[in-house]
PDB file of all heavy atoms in Angstrom:
ATOM      1  N   ASN A   1      18.868  55.209 -40.841  1.00  0.00           N
ATOM      2  CA  ASN A   1      19.599  54.006 -41.224  1.00  0.00           C
ATOM      3  C   ASN A   1      20.763  53.682 -40.301  1.00  0.00           C
ATOM      4  O   ASN A   1      21.470  52.690 -40.507  1.00  0.00           O
ATOM      5  CB  ASN A   1      20.105  54.149 -42.663  1.00  0.00           C
ATOM      6  CG  ASN A   1      18.964  54.375 -43.648  1.00  0.00           C
ATOM      7  OD1 ASN A   1      18.139  53.502 -43.858  1.00  0.00           O
ATOM      8  ND2 ASN A   1      18.917  55.562 -44.233  1.00  0.00           N
ATOM      9  N   ALA A   2      20.973  54.514 -39.282  1.00  0.00           N
ATOM     10  CA  ALA A   2      22.059  54.271 -38.323  1.00  0.00           C
ATOM     11  C   ALA A   2      21.778  53.003 -37.521  1.00  0.00           C
ATOM     12  O   ALA A   2      20.628  52.730 -37.167  1.00  0.00           O
ATOM     13  CB  ALA A   2      22.195  55.467 -37.386  1.00  0.00           C
ATOM     14  N   PRO A   3      22.814  52.208 -37.216  1.00  0.00           N
ATOM     15  CA  PRO A   3      22.608  50.946 -36.485  1.00  0.00           C
ATOM     16  C   PRO A   3      21.872  51.140 -35.164  1.00  0.00           C
ATOM     17  O   PRO A   3      21.041  50.302 -34.798  1.00  0.00           O
ATOM     18  CB  PRO A   3      24.037  50.440 -36.270  1.00  0.00           C
ATOM     19  CG  PRO A   3      24.829  51.058 -37.372  1.00  0.00           C
ATOM     20  CD  PRO A   3      24.214  52.394 -37.621  1.00  0.00           C
ATOM     21  N   GLU A   4      22.112  52.252 -34.473  1.00  0.00           N
ATOM     22  CA  GLU A   4      21.475  52.447 -33.180  1.00  0.00           C
ATOM     23  C   GLU A   4      19.960  52.652 -33.317  1.00  0.00           C
ATOM     24  O   GLU A   4      19.185  52.243 -32.451  1.00  0.00           O
ATOM     25  CB  GLU A   4      22.099  53.614 -32.422  1.00  0.00           C
ATOM     26  CG  GLU A   4      22.121  54.936 -33.155  1.00  0.00           C
ATOM     27  CD  GLU A   4      23.411  55.149 -33.954  1.00  0.00           C
ATOM     28  OE1 GLU A   4      24.057  54.150 -34.337  1.00  0.00           O
ATOM     29  OE2 GLU A   4      23.755  56.331 -34.188  1.00  0.00           O
ATOM     30  N   PHE A   5      19.525  53.284 -34.422  1.00  0.00           N
ATOM     31  CA  PHE A   5      18.086  53.456 -34.600  1.00  0.00           C
ATOM     32  C   PHE A   5      17.429  52.127 -34.970  1.00  0.00           C
ATOM     33  O   PHE A   5      16.333  51.804 -34.485  1.00  0.00           O
ATOM     34  CB  PHE A   5      17.779  54.507 -35.662  1.00  0.00           C
ATOM     35  CG  PHE A   5      16.307  54.761 -35.832  1.00  0.00           C
ATOM     36  CD1 PHE A   5      15.574  55.369 -34.822  1.00  0.00           C
ATOM     37  CD2 PHE A   5      15.640  54.373 -36.993  1.00  0.00           C
ATOM     38  CE1 PHE A   5      14.200  55.593 -34.961  1.00  0.00           C
ATOM     39  CE2 PHE A   5      14.277  54.588 -37.134  1.00  0.00           C
ATOM     40  CZ  PHE A   5      13.559  55.202 -36.119  1.00  0.00           C
ATOM     41  N   LEU A   6      18.092  51.341 -35.803  1.00  0.00           N
ATOM     42  CA  LEU A   6      17.550  50.021 -36.143  1.00  0.00           C
ATOM     43  C   LEU A   6      17.430  49.151 -34.899  1.00  0.00           C
ATOM     44  O   LEU A   6      16.438  48.425 -34.723  1.00  0.00           O
ATOM     45  CB  LEU A   6      18.437  49.341 -37.186  1.00  0.00           C
ATOM     46  CG  LEU A   6      18.090  49.604 -38.665  1.00  0.00           C
ATOM     47  CD1 LEU A   6      18.246  51.084 -39.012  1.00  0.00           C
ATOM     48  CD2 LEU A   6      18.954  48.750 -39.589  1.00  0.00           C
ATOM     49  N   GLU A   7      18.416  49.248 -34.014  1.00  0.00           N
ATOM     50  CA  GLU A   7      18.367  48.473 -32.782  1.00  0.00           C
ATOM     51  C   GLU A   7      17.220  48.941 -31.894  1.00  0.00           C
ATOM     52  O   GLU A   7      16.547  48.122 -31.243  1.00  0.00           O
ATOM     53  CB  GLU A   7      19.701  48.589 -32.040  1.00  0.00           C
ATOM     54  CG  GLU A   7      19.849  47.641 -30.866  1.00  0.00           C
ATOM     55  CD  GLU A   7      19.771  46.178 -31.294  1.00  0.00           C
ATOM     56  OE1 GLU A   7      20.204  45.849 -32.419  1.00  0.00           O
ATOM     57  OE2 GLU A   7      19.266  45.371 -30.493  1.00  0.00           O
ATOM     58  N   LYS A   8      16.972  50.234 -31.881  1.00  0.00           N
ATOM     59  CA  LYS A   8      15.845  50.777 -31.098  1.00  0.00           C
ATOM     60  C   LYS A   8      14.533  50.188 -31.585  1.00  0.00           C
ATOM     61  O   LYS A   8      13.682  49.770 -30.776  1.00  0.00           O
ATOM     62  CB  LYS A   8      15.821  52.309 -31.224  1.00  0.00           C
ATOM     63  CG  LYS A   8      14.644  52.989 -30.526  1.00  0.00           C
ATOM     64  CD  LYS A   8      14.630  54.475 -30.819  1.00  0.00           C
ATOM     65  CE  LYS A   8      13.451  55.169 -30.157  1.00  0.00           C
ATOM     66  NZ  LYS A   8      13.613  55.329 -28.704  1.00  0.00           N
ATOM     67  N   LEU A   9      14.354  50.126 -32.901  1.00  0.00           N
ATOM     68  CA  LEU A   9      13.118  49.584 -33.447  1.00  0.00           C
ATOM     69  C   LEU A   9      12.971  48.098 -33.114  1.00  0.00           C
ATOM     70  O   LEU A   9      11.860  47.628 -32.831  1.00  0.00           O
ATOM     71  CB  LEU A   9      13.061  49.795 -34.958  1.00  0.00           C
ATOM     72  CG  LEU A   9      13.013  51.256 -35.449  1.00  0.00           C
ATOM     73  CD1 LEU A   9      12.864  51.297 -36.969  1.00  0.00           C
ATOM     74  CD2 LEU A   9      11.891  52.043 -34.784  1.00  0.00           C
ATOM     75  N   ARG A  10      14.071  47.374 -33.154  1.00  0.00           N
ATOM     76  CA  ARG A  10      14.016  45.949 -32.785  1.00  0.00           C
ATOM     77  C   ARG A  10      13.595  45.792 -31.326  1.00  0.00           C
ATOM     78  O   ARG A  10      12.761  44.943 -30.987  1.00  0.00           O
ATOM     79  CB  ARG A  10      15.379  45.295 -33.023  1.00  0.00           C
ATOM     80  CG  ARG A  10      15.760  45.145 -34.486  1.00  0.00           C
ATOM     81  CD  ARG A  10      16.994  44.265 -34.642  1.00  0.00           C
ATOM     82  NE  ARG A  10      17.478  44.300 -36.020  1.00  0.00           N
ATOM     83  CZ  ARG A  10      18.473  45.065 -36.445  1.00  0.00           C
ATOM     84  NH1 ARG A  10      19.101  45.881 -35.586  1.00  0.00           N
ATOM     85  NH2 ARG A  10      18.845  45.035 -37.707  1.00  0.00           N
ATOM     86  N   ASP A  11      14.170  46.614 -30.457  1.00  0.00           N
ATOM     87  CA  ASP A  11      13.841  46.536 -29.036  1.00  0.00           C
ATOM     88  C   ASP A  11      12.367  46.866 -28.777  1.00  0.00           C
ATOM     89  O   ASP A  11      11.755  46.319 -27.855  1.00  0.00           O
ATOM     90  CB  ASP A  11      14.724  47.487 -28.220  1.00  0.00           C
ATOM     91  CG  ASP A  11      16.189  47.041 -28.184  1.00  0.00           C
ATOM     92  OD1 ASP A  11      16.461  45.856 -28.488  1.00  0.00           O
ATOM     93  OD2 ASP A  11      17.053  47.881 -27.865  1.00  0.00           O
ATOM     94  N   LEU A  12      11.811  47.770 -29.608  1.00  0.00           N
ATOM     95  CA  LEU A  12      10.404  48.141 -29.453  1.00  0.00           C
ATOM     96  C   LEU A  12       9.469  47.057 -29.983  1.00  0.00           C
ATOM     97  O   LEU A  12       8.264  47.085 -29.710  1.00  0.00           O
ATOM     98  CB  LEU A  12      10.112  49.456 -30.184  1.00  0.00           C
ATOM     99  CG  LEU A  12      10.683  50.732 -29.552  1.00  0.00           C
ATOM    100  CD1 LEU A  12      10.517  51.917 -30.502  1.00  0.00           C
ATOM    101  CD2 LEU A  12      10.003  51.020 -28.220  1.00  0.00           C
ATOM    102  N   GLY A  13      10.005  46.125 -30.748  1.00  0.00           N
ATOM    103  CA  GLY A  13       9.178  45.062 -31.317  1.00  0.00           C
ATOM    104  C   GLY A  13       8.133  45.577 -32.284  1.00  0.00           C
ATOM    105  O   GLY A  13       6.990  45.094 -32.283  1.00  0.00           O
ATOM    106  N   ILE A  14       8.519  46.529 -33.120  1.00  0.00           N
ATOM    107  CA  ILE A  14       7.536  47.109 -34.038  1.00  0.00           C
ATOM    108  C   ILE A  14       7.096  46.077 -35.073  1.00  0.00           C
ATOM    109  O   ILE A  14       7.864  45.207 -35.487  1.00  0.00           O
ATOM    110  CB  ILE A  14       8.058  48.380 -34.735  1.00  0.00           C
ATOM    111  CG1 ILE A  14       9.124  48.049 -35.773  1.00  0.00           C
ATOM    112  CG2 ILE A  14       8.563  49.398 -33.744  1.00  0.00           C
ATOM    113  CD1 ILE A  14       9.399  49.175 -36.742  1.00  0.00           C
ATOM    114  N   GLU A  15       5.851  46.203 -35.499  1.00  0.00           N
ATOM    115  CA  GLU A  15       5.325  45.351 -36.557  1.00  0.00           C
ATOM    116  C   GLU A  15       5.316  46.064 -37.903  1.00  0.00           C
ATOM    117  O   GLU A  15       5.431  45.434 -38.956  1.00  0.00           O
ATOM    118  CB  GLU A  15       3.912  44.906 -36.208  1.00  0.00           C
ATOM    119  CG  GLU A  15       3.828  44.055 -34.955  1.00  0.00           C
ATOM    120  CD  GLU A  15       2.397  43.653 -34.680  1.00  0.00           C
ATOM    121  OE1 GLU A  15       1.922  42.706 -35.337  1.00  0.00           O
ATOM    122  OE2 GLU A  15       1.766  44.286 -33.813  1.00  0.00           O
ATOM    123  N   ILE A  16       5.130  47.362 -37.869  1.00  0.00           N
ATOM    124  CA  ILE A  16       5.078  48.133 -39.107  1.00  0.00           C
ATOM    125  C   ILE A  16       5.664  49.516 -38.854  1.00  0.00           C
ATOM    126  O   ILE A  16       5.524  50.075 -37.763  1.00  0.00           O
ATOM    127  CB  ILE A  16       3.624  48.223 -39.627  1.00  0.00           C
ATOM    128  CG1 ILE A  16       3.584  48.634 -41.100  1.00  0.00           C
ATOM    129  CG2 ILE A  16       2.782  49.132 -38.773  1.00  0.00           C
ATOM    130  CD1 ILE A  16       2.245  48.334 -41.767  1.00  0.00           C
ATOM    131  N   LEU A  17       6.351  50.049 -39.857  1.00  0.00           N
ATOM    132  CA  LEU A  17       6.904  51.401 -39.783  1.00  0.00           C
ATOM    133  C   LEU A  17       6.112  52.278 -40.738  1.00  0.00           C
ATOM    134  O   LEU A  17       6.065  52.005 -41.949  1.00  0.00           O
ATOM    135  CB  LEU A  17       8.387  51.394 -40.166  1.00  0.00           C
ATOM    136  CG  LEU A  17       9.107  52.750 -40.150  1.00  0.00           C
ATOM    137  CD1 LEU A  17       9.179  53.305 -38.735  1.00  0.00           C
ATOM    138  CD2 LEU A  17      10.509  52.621 -40.731  1.00  0.00           C
ATOM    139  N   LEU A  18       5.482  53.309 -40.204  1.00  0.00           N
ATOM    140  CA  LEU A  18       4.684  54.231 -41.007  1.00  0.00           C
ATOM    141  C   LEU A  18       5.513  55.470 -41.310  1.00  0.00           C
ATOM    142  O   LEU A  18       6.092  56.075 -40.401  1.00  0.00           O
ATOM    143  CB  LEU A  18       3.409  54.609 -40.241  1.00  0.00           C
ATOM    144  CG  LEU A  18       2.510  55.659 -40.889  1.00  0.00           C
ATOM    145  CD1 LEU A  18       1.979  55.178 -42.231  1.00  0.00           C
ATOM    146  CD2 LEU A  18       1.364  56.028 -39.952  1.00  0.00           C
ATOM    147  N   VAL A  19       5.564  55.853 -42.593  1.00  0.00           N
ATOM    148  CA  VAL A  19       6.379  56.983 -43.031  1.00  0.00           C
ATOM    149  C   VAL A  19       5.510  57.940 -43.844  1.00  0.00           C
ATOM    150  O   VAL A  19       4.919  57.545 -44.852  1.00  0.00           O
ATOM    151  CB  VAL A  19       7.573  56.505 -43.891  1.00  0.00           C
ATOM    152  CG1 VAL A  19       8.471  57.687 -44.267  1.00  0.00           C
ATOM    153  CG2 VAL A  19       8.369  55.423 -43.169  1.00  0.00           C
ATOM    154  N   VAL A  20       5.449  59.206 -43.414  1.00  0.00           N
ATOM    155  CA  VAL A  20       4.635  60.214 -44.102  1.00  0.00           C
ATOM    156  C   VAL A  20       5.432  61.511 -44.204  1.00  0.00           C
ATOM    157  O   VAL A  20       5.711  62.143 -43.181  1.00  0.00           O
ATOM    158  CB  VAL A  20       3.306  60.479 -43.358  1.00  0.00           C
ATOM    159  CG1 VAL A  20       2.471  61.508 -44.129  1.00  0.00           C
ATOM    160  CG2 VAL A  20       2.525  59.191 -43.157  1.00  0.00           C
ATOM    161  N   ALA A  21       5.818  61.900 -45.426  1.00  0.00           N
ATOM    162  CA  ALA A  21       6.526  63.171 -45.633  1.00  0.00           C
ATOM    163  C   ALA A  21       7.648  63.342 -44.618  1.00  0.00           C
ATOM    164  O   ALA A  21       7.736  64.364 -43.929  1.00  0.00           O
ATOM    165  CB  ALA A  21       5.539  64.339 -45.548  1.00  0.00           C
ATOM    166  N   PHE A  22       8.528  62.356 -44.558  1.00  0.00           N
ATOM    167  CA  PHE A  22       9.572  62.367 -43.530  1.00  0.00           C
ATOM    168  C   PHE A  22      10.836  63.089 -43.978  1.00  0.00           C
ATOM    169  O   PHE A  22      11.369  63.923 -43.256  1.00  0.00           O
ATOM    170  CB  PHE A  22       9.899  60.934 -43.112  1.00  0.00           C
ATOM    171  CG  PHE A  22      11.046  60.823 -42.144  1.00  0.00           C
ATOM    172  CD1 PHE A  22      11.023  61.502 -40.934  1.00  0.00           C
ATOM    173  CD2 PHE A  22      12.165  60.052 -42.447  1.00  0.00           C
ATOM    174  CE1 PHE A  22      12.088  61.412 -40.046  1.00  0.00           C
ATOM    175  CE2 PHE A  22      13.222  59.952 -41.570  1.00  0.00           C
ATOM    176  CZ  PHE A  22      13.187  60.634 -40.370  1.00  0.00           C
ATOM    177  N   GLY A  23      11.344  62.760 -45.162  1.00  0.00           N
ATOM    178  CA  GLY A  23      12.490  63.507 -45.668  1.00  0.00           C
ATOM    179  C   GLY A  23      13.830  62.802 -45.629  1.00  0.00           C
ATOM    180  O   GLY A  23      14.858  63.433 -45.870  1.00  0.00           O
ATOM    181  N   GLN A  24      13.841  61.492 -45.311  1.00  0.00           N
ATOM    182  CA  GLN A  24      15.082  60.727 -45.396  1.00  0.00           C
ATOM    183  C   GLN A  24      14.821  59.456 -46.191  1.00  0.00           C
ATOM    184  O   GLN A  24      13.722  58.889 -46.138  1.00  0.00           O
ATOM    185  CB  GLN A  24      15.613  60.362 -44.000  1.00  0.00           C
ATOM    186  CG  GLN A  24      16.111  61.530 -43.179  1.00  0.00           C
ATOM    187  CD  GLN A  24      16.730  61.073 -41.862  1.00  0.00           C
ATOM    188  OE1 GLN A  24      17.298  59.988 -41.755  1.00  0.00           O
ATOM    189  NE2 GLN A  24      16.615  61.911 -40.843  1.00  0.00           N
ATOM    190  N   LEU A  25      15.849  58.993 -46.898  1.00  0.00           N
ATOM    191  CA  LEU A  25      15.757  57.768 -47.683  1.00  0.00           C
ATOM    192  C   LEU A  25      15.974  56.565 -46.781  1.00  0.00           C
ATOM    193  O   LEU A  25      16.941  56.512 -46.021  1.00  0.00           O
ATOM    194  CB  LEU A  25      16.806  57.782 -48.798  1.00  0.00           C
ATOM    195  CG  LEU A  25      16.834  56.574 -49.732  1.00  0.00           C
ATOM    196  CD1 LEU A  25      15.566  56.534 -50.576  1.00  0.00           C
ATOM    197  CD2 LEU A  25      18.071  56.625 -50.632  1.00  0.00           C
ATOM    198  N   LEU A  26      15.077  55.590 -46.851  1.00  0.00           N
ATOM    199  CA  LEU A  26      15.200  54.365 -46.065  1.00  0.00           C
ATOM    200  C   LEU A  26      15.958  53.319 -46.879  1.00  0.00           C
ATOM    201  O   LEU A  26      15.592  53.034 -48.024  1.00  0.00           O
ATOM    202  CB  LEU A  26      13.816  53.815 -45.684  1.00  0.00           C
ATOM    203  CG  LEU A  26      13.118  54.430 -44.463  1.00  0.00           C
ATOM    204  CD1 LEU A  26      12.833  55.906 -44.658  1.00  0.00           C
ATOM    205  CD2 LEU A  26      11.824  53.665 -44.170  1.00  0.00           C
TER     206      LEU A  26
END
């Protein structure tokens, strides 16, 4: 949830985020 990670995802132009047994709350 850190701003820098959200910015990374925006820069990557992701369409979907897949989460499997990750261990952090989104």
